[in-house]
Amino acid sequence: APAVAGPQPEPAPQPALPAPEPAAPELGKPSPEPVAPMPEPVKRAPEPVKAVVQTPSVPAKKPSFSELFQDFGKASTAATPAAGAVDIRKISAPRPAPKEPPKPLPPKHPSRIWVQIGVGRDVDKMPFDWRKLNREEPELFKGRKPFTSEQGRTNRLLTGPFDDEAEAKAYVAKLKKAGQEGAYMWISPEGQAVDPVGGK
């Protein structure tokens, strides 16, 4: 039969080792300075709490009907055009050029230079007088036309108009040389009616 092992003997206690001695400071090296402890932070006294004075709230003024609709219908100018669009606010419409005042119409009967060759009360008989003068002095009256203008109760028998007084005076001299002693220069005032004899 196998042998039964008996109880093992307990190990003998180890002797306690002595604590290591502090190492001696090395020669030639300064010993470290002691570190000062950090100061504690200073605590501030709490600030006194200000008392809040509550003022009674004033109810908002209710707007009137006219104030509510005072901006109604007004065009807004705050809108900005989109990118690439034309800003019509910067486009100034071309102003039409100021129209010149209409020129005054020339007078119907301006002042002109004539030569008077006769007078007569009956205007209807003046065409016969003119033809008689043409038969007597055809060279002096060739290419000329007769005119008439009122002179009080009578009417002037005229020919012209002439460009200037010198031309009229030269024609008067020719008429007088031919025997027309009553011929003279006459300047019609502006507005004085001078009409063709016979309405032509």
Protein backbone atom coordinates (compact mmCIF):
# COMPACT_ATOMS: atom_id res chain seq x y z
CA ALA A 1 0.00 0.00 0.00
CA PRO A 2 1.28 3.51 -0.83
CA ALA A 3 2.78 5.49 1.97
CA VAL A 4 0.74 8.54 3.15
CA ALA A 5 2.70 11.81 3.32
CA GLY A 6 2.78 13.40 6.69
CA PRO A 7 2.38 17.15 7.45
CA GLN A 8 5.10 19.48 6.05
CA PRO A 9 7.26 21.44 8.52
CA GLU A 10 6.54 25.32 8.57
CA PRO A 11 9.35 27.58 7.19
CA ALA A 12 11.52 29.38 9.72
CA PRO A 13 10.75 33.17 10.04
CA GLN A 14 13.10 35.58 8.16
CA PRO A 15 14.97 38.15 10.24
CA ALA A 16 13.71 41.82 9.67
CA LEU A 17 16.00 43.95 7.49
CA PRO A 18 17.09 47.34 8.89
CA ALA A 19 15.52 50.49 7.20
CA PRO A 20 17.84 52.17 4.67
CA GLU A 21 19.52 55.25 5.95
CA PRO A 22 18.98 58.49 4.08
CA ALA A 23 21.58 59.16 1.46
CA ALA A 24 24.19 61.64 2.46
CA PRO A 25 24.21 64.77 0.31
CA GLU A 26 26.77 64.78 -2.42
CA LEU A 27 29.67 67.12 -1.94
CA GLY A 28 29.83 70.10 -4.30
CA LYS A 29 26.04 70.17 -5.00
CA PRO A 30 23.80 72.80 -3.31
CA SER A 31 20.96 71.50 -1.27
CA PRO A 32 17.49 72.21 -2.73
CA GLU A 33 15.69 75.24 -1.31
CA PRO A 34 12.50 74.62 0.57
CA VAL A 35 9.35 75.34 -1.47
CA ALA A 36 7.18 78.09 0.07
CA PRO A 37 3.54 77.18 0.44
CA MET A 38 1.04 78.85 -2.00
CA PRO A 39 -0.84 81.78 -0.43
CA GLU A 40 -4.55 81.29 -0.04
CA PRO A 41 -6.75 83.43 -2.33
CA VAL A 42 -8.21 86.57 -0.78
CA LYS A 43 -11.95 86.31 -0.45
CA ARG A 44 -13.90 89.44 -1.41
CA ALA A 45 -16.80 90.54 0.59
CA PRO A 46 -20.06 90.09 -1.35
CA GLU A 47 -21.41 93.31 -2.97
CA PRO A 48 -24.59 94.62 -1.47
CA VAL A 49 -27.65 93.80 -3.53
CA LYS A 50 -29.33 96.91 -4.96
CA ALA A 51 -32.96 97.17 -4.38
CA VAL A 52 -34.93 97.25 -7.63
CA VAL A 53 -37.66 99.84 -7.57
CA GLN A 54 -40.50 98.82 -9.82
CA THR A 55 -42.34 101.66 -11.51
CA PRO A 56 -45.92 101.17 -12.48
CA SER A 57 -46.18 100.33 -16.19
CA VAL A 58 -47.92 102.87 -18.38
CA PRO A 59 -50.30 101.30 -20.85
CA ALA A 60 -49.26 101.85 -24.48
CA LYS A 61 -51.17 104.50 -26.40
CA LYS A 62 -53.59 102.99 -28.83
CA PRO A 63 -52.86 104.33 -32.34
CA SER A 64 -55.60 106.25 -34.05
CA PHE A 65 -57.26 105.17 -37.27
CA SER A 66 -55.34 107.77 -39.31
CA GLU A 67 -52.00 106.65 -37.83
CA LEU A 68 -52.69 103.03 -38.68
CA PHE A 69 -53.27 103.82 -42.37
CA GLN A 70 -50.92 106.80 -42.84
CA ASP A 71 -48.39 104.69 -44.79
CA PHE A 72 -51.04 102.82 -46.75
CA GLY A 73 -50.52 103.21 -50.48
CA LYS A 74 -47.02 104.74 -50.23
CA ALA A 75 -44.50 103.31 -52.64
CA SER A 76 -41.59 101.52 -50.98
CA THR A 77 -38.11 102.60 -52.10
CA ALA A 78 -36.20 100.14 -49.91
CA ALA A 79 -36.33 97.31 -52.46
CA THR A 80 -33.03 96.56 -54.16
CA PRO A 81 -32.78 95.08 -57.65
CA ALA A 82 -31.62 91.53 -58.15
CA ALA A 83 -28.10 90.77 -59.31
CA GLY A 84 -27.67 91.65 -62.96
CA ALA A 85 -30.90 93.64 -63.11
CA VAL A 86 -31.08 97.28 -64.13
CA ASP A 87 -31.69 99.66 -61.26
CA ILE A 88 -34.36 101.93 -62.68
CA ARG A 89 -33.94 104.26 -59.70
CA LYS A 90 -30.61 105.40 -61.14
CA ILE A 91 -32.03 106.03 -64.61
CA SER A 92 -33.07 109.65 -65.14
CA ALA A 93 -35.77 110.24 -67.68
CA PRO A 94 -34.67 112.54 -70.52
CA ARG A 95 -36.12 115.97 -70.16
CA PRO A 96 -37.71 117.43 -73.24
CA ALA A 97 -35.92 120.42 -74.65
CA PRO A 98 -37.66 123.68 -73.83
CA LYS A 99 -39.84 124.78 -76.66
CA GLU A 100 -39.01 128.07 -78.26
CA PRO A 101 -41.79 130.60 -78.03
CA PRO A 102 -43.68 130.88 -81.28
CA LYS A 103 -42.47 133.63 -83.51
CA PRO A 104 -44.93 136.47 -83.84
CA LEU A 105 -46.76 136.48 -87.10
CA PRO A 106 -45.74 139.25 -89.46
CA PRO A 107 -48.30 142.03 -89.65
CA LYS A 108 -50.85 141.65 -92.39
CA HIS A 109 -50.03 145.16 -93.61
CA PRO A 110 -46.42 146.05 -92.78
CA SER A 111 -44.95 149.48 -93.39
CA ARG A 112 -43.81 149.76 -97.02
CA ILE A 113 -42.66 152.38 -99.55
CA TRP A 114 -45.01 153.41 -102.37
CA VAL A 115 -45.39 156.04 -105.07
CA GLN A 116 -48.76 157.77 -105.22
CA ILE A 117 -49.87 158.65 -108.74
CA GLY A 118 -53.47 159.72 -108.14
CA VAL A 119 -56.55 159.89 -105.87
CA GLY A 120 -60.22 159.03 -106.31
CA ARG A 121 -63.36 158.58 -104.26
CA ASP A 122 -64.70 155.68 -106.30
CA VAL A 123 -62.43 152.64 -105.97
CA ASP A 124 -64.33 150.84 -108.74
CA LYS A 125 -63.15 153.46 -111.31
CA MET A 126 -59.45 153.12 -110.44
CA PRO A 127 -58.83 150.23 -112.88
CA PHE A 128 -59.86 152.58 -115.74
CA ASP A 129 -57.48 155.30 -114.43
CA TRP A 130 -54.65 152.79 -114.28
CA ARG A 131 -55.20 151.62 -117.86
CA LYS A 132 -55.22 155.27 -119.02
CA LEU A 133 -51.82 155.89 -117.39
CA ASN A 134 -50.44 152.75 -119.03
CA ARG A 135 -51.55 153.99 -122.45
CA GLU A 136 -49.92 157.40 -121.87
CA GLU A 137 -46.59 156.14 -120.45
CA PRO A 138 -46.24 152.43 -121.25
CA GLU A 139 -42.48 152.35 -120.51
CA LEU A 140 -42.95 153.83 -117.00
CA PHE A 141 -45.79 151.50 -115.96
CA LYS A 142 -44.64 148.33 -117.71
CA GLY A 143 -44.48 145.42 -115.24
CA ARG A 144 -45.96 147.44 -112.38
CA LYS A 145 -49.23 146.84 -110.55
CA PRO A 146 -51.78 149.28 -109.05
CA PHE A 147 -52.76 149.42 -105.36
CA THR A 148 -55.13 151.52 -103.32
CA SER A 149 -55.38 152.73 -99.71
CA GLU A 150 -57.88 154.93 -97.89
CA GLN A 151 -57.05 158.60 -97.42
CA GLY A 152 -59.85 160.20 -95.44
CA ARG A 153 -62.83 160.46 -97.77
CA THR A 154 -60.78 159.55 -100.84
CA ASN A 155 -58.52 156.71 -101.85
CA ARG A 156 -54.89 156.71 -102.97
CA LEU A 157 -53.85 155.20 -106.29
CA LEU A 158 -50.42 153.66 -105.68
CA THR A 159 -47.78 151.56 -107.35
CA GLY A 160 -44.97 149.64 -105.73
CA PRO A 161 -43.81 148.62 -103.23
CA PHE A 162 -40.21 149.76 -103.63
CA ASP A 163 -37.16 148.31 -101.90
CA ASP A 164 -35.95 151.64 -100.52
CA GLU A 165 -36.62 155.38 -100.60
CA ALA A 166 -33.90 156.06 -103.19
CA GLU A 167 -35.59 153.77 -105.72
CA ALA A 168 -38.98 155.38 -105.05
CA LYS A 169 -37.62 158.92 -105.39
CA ALA A 170 -35.91 158.03 -108.68
CA TYR A 171 -39.21 156.70 -110.03
CA VAL A 172 -41.04 159.87 -108.90
CA ALA A 173 -38.51 161.95 -110.85
CA LYS A 174 -39.22 159.98 -114.03
CA LEU A 175 -42.99 160.42 -113.59
CA LYS A 176 -42.70 164.17 -113.13
CA LYS A 177 -40.44 164.42 -116.16
CA ALA A 178 -43.19 162.64 -118.16
CA GLY A 179 -45.81 165.15 -116.97
CA GLN A 180 -47.18 163.40 -113.84
CA GLU A 181 -46.68 166.36 -111.53
CA GLY A 182 -48.88 164.92 -108.73
CA ALA A 183 -46.67 161.88 -108.15
CA TYR A 184 -44.81 161.60 -104.80
CA MET A 185 -43.37 159.00 -102.45
CA TRP A 186 -45.57 157.72 -99.62
CA ILE A 187 -44.63 155.33 -96.78
CA SER A 188 -47.60 153.37 -95.44
CA PRO A 189 -47.63 153.01 -91.64
CA GLU A 190 -47.70 149.49 -90.17
CA GLY A 191 -51.26 148.19 -90.09
CA GLN A 192 -52.45 150.54 -92.85
CA ALA A 193 -54.35 148.44 -95.35
CA VAL A 194 -53.00 148.60 -98.91
CA ASP A 195 -54.98 146.42 -101.29
CA PRO A 196 -54.58 145.61 -105.00
CA VAL A 197 -56.84 147.54 -107.34
CA GLY A 198 -59.66 145.29 -108.54
CA GLY A 199 -58.89 142.78 -105.76
CA LYS A 200 -56.11 141.12 -107.77
